[in-house]
Protein backbone atom coordinates (compact mmCIF):
# COMPACT_ATOMS: atom_id res chain seq x y z
CA MET A 1 -14.36 12.25 4.50
CA ALA A 2 -15.01 8.52 5.85
CA SER A 3 -17.85 8.53 8.53
CA ALA A 4 -17.54 5.00 9.47
CA ARG A 5 -15.23 3.86 11.77
CA ASP A 6 -14.25 0.73 9.64
CA GLU A 7 -14.02 2.97 6.53
CA ARG A 8 -12.20 5.28 7.86
CA GLY A 9 -9.56 3.15 9.43
CA ALA A 10 -9.06 1.37 5.73
CA LEU A 11 -8.32 4.50 4.17
CA VAL A 12 -5.50 5.43 6.57
CA LEU A 13 -4.02 2.36 6.50
CA GLY A 14 -4.07 2.55 2.75
CA ALA A 15 -2.29 5.62 2.63
CA GLY A 16 -0.01 5.14 5.69
CA PHE A 17 1.81 1.92 4.92
CA PRO A 18 3.47 1.40 1.57
CA ASN A 19 5.15 -2.22 0.44
CA THR A 20 8.58 -1.28 0.59
CA GLY A 21 9.64 -4.70 0.98
CA PHE A 22 8.22 -7.62 -1.17
CA VAL A 23 7.21 -4.95 -3.85
CA GLY A 24 9.85 -2.19 -3.27
CA TYR A 25 12.84 -4.44 -3.28
CA PRO A 26 12.37 -5.83 -6.81
CA LEU A 27 11.16 -2.69 -7.95
CA ALA A 28 14.27 -0.67 -6.92
CA GLN A 29 16.51 -3.18 -8.06
CA LEU A 30 15.06 -3.23 -11.44
CA ALA A 31 14.29 0.72 -11.71
CA LEU A 32 17.46 1.84 -10.24
CA GLY A 33 20.01 -1.03 -10.22
CA GLN A 34 21.92 -2.55 -7.31
CA GLN A 35 22.36 0.51 -6.04
CA GLY A 36 19.02 1.52 -5.67
CA LEU A 37 17.87 -1.94 -4.22
CA ALA A 38 20.46 -1.24 -1.23
CA LEU A 39 18.92 2.29 -0.54
CA MET A 40 15.88 0.78 -1.00
CA VAL A 41 16.77 -1.76 1.86
CA LEU A 42 18.00 0.81 4.03
CA TYR A 43 14.50 3.43 3.37
CA ASP A 44 12.70 0.41 4.59
CA ARG A 45 14.85 -0.68 7.75
CA LEU A 46 14.58 3.18 8.38
CA SER A 47 10.59 3.04 8.38
CA TRP A 48 10.68 0.39 11.21
CA LEU A 49 12.47 2.70 13.89
CA VAL A 50 8.90 2.76 15.23
CA PRO A 51 7.55 -0.61 13.84
CA ALA A 52 5.09 -0.12 10.84
CA THR A 53 3.28 -3.96 11.96
CA ALA A 54 2.69 -2.27 15.77
CA VAL A 55 1.62 1.21 14.63
CA SER A 56 -0.63 -0.41 11.63
CA THR A 57 -1.91 -2.94 14.13
CA THR A 58 -2.98 -0.38 16.45
CA ILE A 59 -4.83 1.54 13.50
CA ALA A 60 -6.54 -1.71 12.56
CA ARG A 61 -7.81 -2.65 16.59
CA LEU A 62 -9.14 1.07 17.19
CA HIS A 63 -11.35 1.14 13.79
CA GLY A 64 -12.17 -2.56 13.56
CA ARG A 65 -15.66 -3.17 14.11
CA ARG A 66 -14.21 -6.11 16.13
CA GLU A 67 -12.58 -4.12 18.68
CA ALA A 68 -15.44 -0.84 18.70
CA GLU A 69 -16.51 -1.98 21.51
CA THR A 70 -13.34 -2.32 24.03
CA SER A 71 -12.20 0.96 22.48
CA ARG A 72 -14.18 3.59 23.53
CA THR A 73 -12.56 5.40 26.49
CA ARG A 74 -9.40 6.91 26.32
CA LEU A 75 -8.14 4.40 28.78
CA GLN A 76 -9.31 1.42 26.25
CA ARG A 77 -7.49 3.07 23.45
CA LEU A 78 -4.42 3.32 25.20
CA ARG A 79 -4.72 -0.15 26.18
CA VAL A 80 -5.44 -0.96 22.78
CA GLY A 81 -2.37 0.96 21.64
CA LEU A 82 0.27 -0.58 24.53
CA ALA A 83 -0.90 -4.15 24.22
CA ASN A 84 0.97 -5.23 20.96
CA PRO A 85 3.72 -7.24 20.76
CA ALA A 86 5.73 -5.90 18.15
CA LEU A 87 5.75 -2.37 19.69
CA LEU A 88 7.01 -4.45 23.13
CA ALA A 89 9.09 -5.91 21.89
CA ALA A 90 11.05 -2.84 20.30
CA VAL A 91 10.73 -1.39 23.67
CA LEU A 92 12.58 -4.09 24.91
CA ALA A 93 14.96 -4.15 22.34
CA VAL A 94 15.60 -0.14 23.25
CA ALA A 95 16.17 -1.28 26.82
CA LEU A 96 18.34 -3.77 26.72
CA ARG A 97 20.96 -1.63 24.43
CA LEU A 98 19.93 1.44 26.94
CA ALA A 99 21.32 -1.14 29.68
CA GLY A 100 23.90 -2.21 27.10
CA ILE A 101 22.84 -5.78 27.25
CA ASP A 102 24.66 -7.75 24.34
CA VAL A 103 21.88 -10.39 22.96
CA THR A 104 22.98 -10.63 19.44
CA ALA A 105 24.25 -14.59 19.81
CA TRP A 106 20.32 -15.08 20.62
CA VAL A 107 18.87 -13.11 18.40
CA GLU A 108 20.67 -13.55 15.34
CA PRO A 109 19.99 -17.29 14.99
CA LEU A 110 16.25 -16.61 15.60
CA GLY A 111 16.47 -14.25 12.68
CA ARG A 112 17.38 -16.66 10.51
CA VAL A 113 14.54 -18.74 11.48
CA ALA A 114 12.26 -16.02 11.30
CA SER A 115 12.87 -15.50 7.55
CA GLU A 116 12.77 -18.94 6.41
CA VAL A 117 9.72 -19.46 8.43
CA VAL A 118 7.72 -16.09 8.85
CA GLY A 119 7.88 -15.53 4.82
CA PRO A 120 6.01 -18.26 3.80
CA ALA A 121 3.59 -18.21 6.12
CA GLY A 122 2.67 -14.31 5.89
CA PHE A 123 2.22 -15.43 2.08
CA PHE A 124 -0.27 -18.75 3.20
CA LEU A 125 -1.92 -15.91 5.84
CA LEU A 126 -2.64 -13.21 3.03
CA GLY A 127 -3.89 -16.40 0.88
CA LEU A 128 -6.33 -16.93 3.77
CA VAL A 129 -7.88 -13.78 4.57
CA LEU A 130 -8.57 -12.44 0.48
CA PRO A 131 -11.76 -11.54 -0.13
CA LEU A 132 -13.18 -13.92 -2.81
CA GLU A 133 -16.05 -12.07 -3.41
CA PRO A 134 -16.86 -10.25 -6.46
CA PRO A 135 -15.76 -6.81 -6.06
CA VAL A 136 -18.82 -4.05 -5.07
CA HIS A 137 -18.10 -0.47 -4.94
CA GLY A 138 -20.09 2.63 -5.01
CA GLY A 139 -18.93 5.77 -6.87
CA VAL A 140 -18.15 7.44 -3.45
CA GLU A 141 -15.90 4.52 -2.37
CA LEU A 142 -14.39 4.29 -5.61
CA ARG A 143 -13.40 8.44 -5.32
CA LYS A 144 -12.05 8.07 -1.70
CA ALA A 145 -9.90 4.90 -2.78
CA ALA A 146 -8.35 7.09 -5.62
CA GLY A 147 -7.88 9.92 -3.25
CA VAL A 148 -5.52 7.38 -1.62
CA LEU A 149 -3.75 6.58 -4.31
CA ALA A 150 -3.10 9.79 -4.96
CA ILE A 151 -1.74 10.17 -1.37
CA ARG A 152 0.38 6.56 -2.29
CA PHE A 153 1.35 7.65 -5.89
CA ALA A 154 1.93 11.28 -5.41
CA VAL A 155 1.67 13.12 -2.44
CA ALA A 156 3.86 11.05 -0.35
CA PRO A 157 7.18 11.03 -2.51
CA LEU A 158 6.23 14.94 -2.89
CA VAL A 159 6.22 15.39 0.47
CA LEU A 160 9.15 13.55 1.40
CA LEU A 161 10.92 15.56 -1.67
CA GLY A 162 9.76 18.84 0.18
CA CYS A 163 11.22 18.20 3.29
CA GLY A 164 14.08 16.98 1.62
CA VAL A 165 14.24 20.65 0.01
CA ALA A 166 13.11 22.29 3.17
CA LEU A 167 16.57 20.71 4.85
CA GLY A 168 18.72 21.11 2.37
CA THR A 169 19.61 18.16 1.29
CA ASP A 170 19.10 15.71 -1.47
CA ILE A 171 16.69 12.89 -1.53
CA PRO A 172 18.15 9.40 -3.14
CA LYS A 173 15.58 8.69 -5.84
CA ALA A 174 15.08 5.39 -4.16
CA PHE A 175 13.76 6.83 -1.45
CA LEU A 176 11.06 8.71 -3.41
CA LEU A 177 10.47 5.79 -4.92
CA GLY A 178 9.90 3.63 -1.35
CA ALA A 179 7.49 6.85 -0.89
CA ALA A 180 5.48 6.06 -3.51
CA MET A 181 5.08 2.56 -3.48
CA PRO A 182 1.92 0.62 -3.54
CA CYS A 183 -0.78 -0.21 -0.38
CA ALA A 184 0.97 -3.29 2.23
CA PHE A 185 0.25 -6.41 1.47
CA HIS A 186 -0.11 -7.22 5.36
CA LEU A 187 -2.96 -4.69 5.57
CA LEU A 188 -5.60 -7.38 3.90
CA ILE A 189 -4.48 -9.62 7.20
CA LEU A 190 -5.03 -6.99 9.25
CA ALA A 191 -8.43 -5.77 7.64
CA ARG A 192 -9.42 -9.60 7.76
CA VAL A 193 -8.71 -10.12 11.62
CA PHE A 194 -10.32 -6.73 13.10
CA ASP A 195 -12.86 -6.61 10.33
CA VAL A 196 -11.66 -3.27 8.50
CA ARG A 197 -13.23 -3.03 5.53
CA PRO A 198 -12.05 -6.15 3.60
CA GLN A 199 -13.11 -5.45 0.25
CA LEU A 200 -12.19 -1.93 0.58
CA MET A 201 -8.51 -2.90 1.57
CA ARG A 202 -8.60 -5.43 -1.31
CA LEU A 203 -9.22 -2.76 -3.55
CA LEU A 204 -6.72 0.00 -2.53
CA VAL A 205 -4.09 -3.29 -2.27
CA VAL A 206 -4.73 -4.32 -5.24
CA GLY A 207 -5.66 -1.25 -7.32
CA SER A 208 -2.41 0.26 -5.99
CA THR A 209 0.15 -2.64 -6.79
CA VAL A 210 -0.80 -3.32 -10.37
CA PRO A 211 -0.48 -0.25 -11.90
CA ALA A 212 2.73 0.51 -9.68
CA VAL A 213 4.32 -2.67 -10.75
CA VAL A 214 3.42 -2.20 -14.80
CA ALA A 215 4.35 1.28 -14.62
CA VAL A 216 7.87 0.62 -13.34
CA VAL A 217 8.64 -2.56 -15.36
CA THR A 218 7.21 -0.62 -18.27
CA THR A 219 9.61 2.64 -17.80
CA ALA A 220 12.46 0.22 -17.41
CA ALA A 221 11.59 -1.81 -20.63
CA ILE A 222 11.81 1.92 -22.45
CA ARG A 223 14.51 2.65 -21.21
């Protein structure tokens, strides 16, 4: 159990937010073909019903050292959670839909521009924030990181499978693969911006991405 605020935030982020896009899409296609890719896209989109960026940003702000002085009271914590561009955009979109206002003609061009700009810009930011210092992790921290990886690779898909059994429905293999994806890349940016143990987050992202890619590629090659 993490005692420090920033360490707790890093572990929660690593356990809770898988990379179902940049890593999930190609691995799903490699392992399960075009149908698997389509289902992974669906899984990825469903996870955005409550925007993952909004939730993860709120967690990072509440647990980061840079926000520690401004998030002591419940009112301040609520303000941190609500003052979130991604969350506000989602609320606005739902409100427009409920009001019957169609903004498709305005949004589609913005979506095309965003797909061409945001992706490269995101990887540029990823390169800027990636810690370059040599890794220094104690035994306790490594055990906590191992716990996060166990959640990512085993507990998360088992929980999803258990929900399917409880509800009497079949869970597609692509969904189980999505639940077992490594830690999301954008967590590295949040860790640097809000000072949420960047080196620990680097360990979680790299330590989960490399074995996940190797495992799927190896399995596909053997099969």
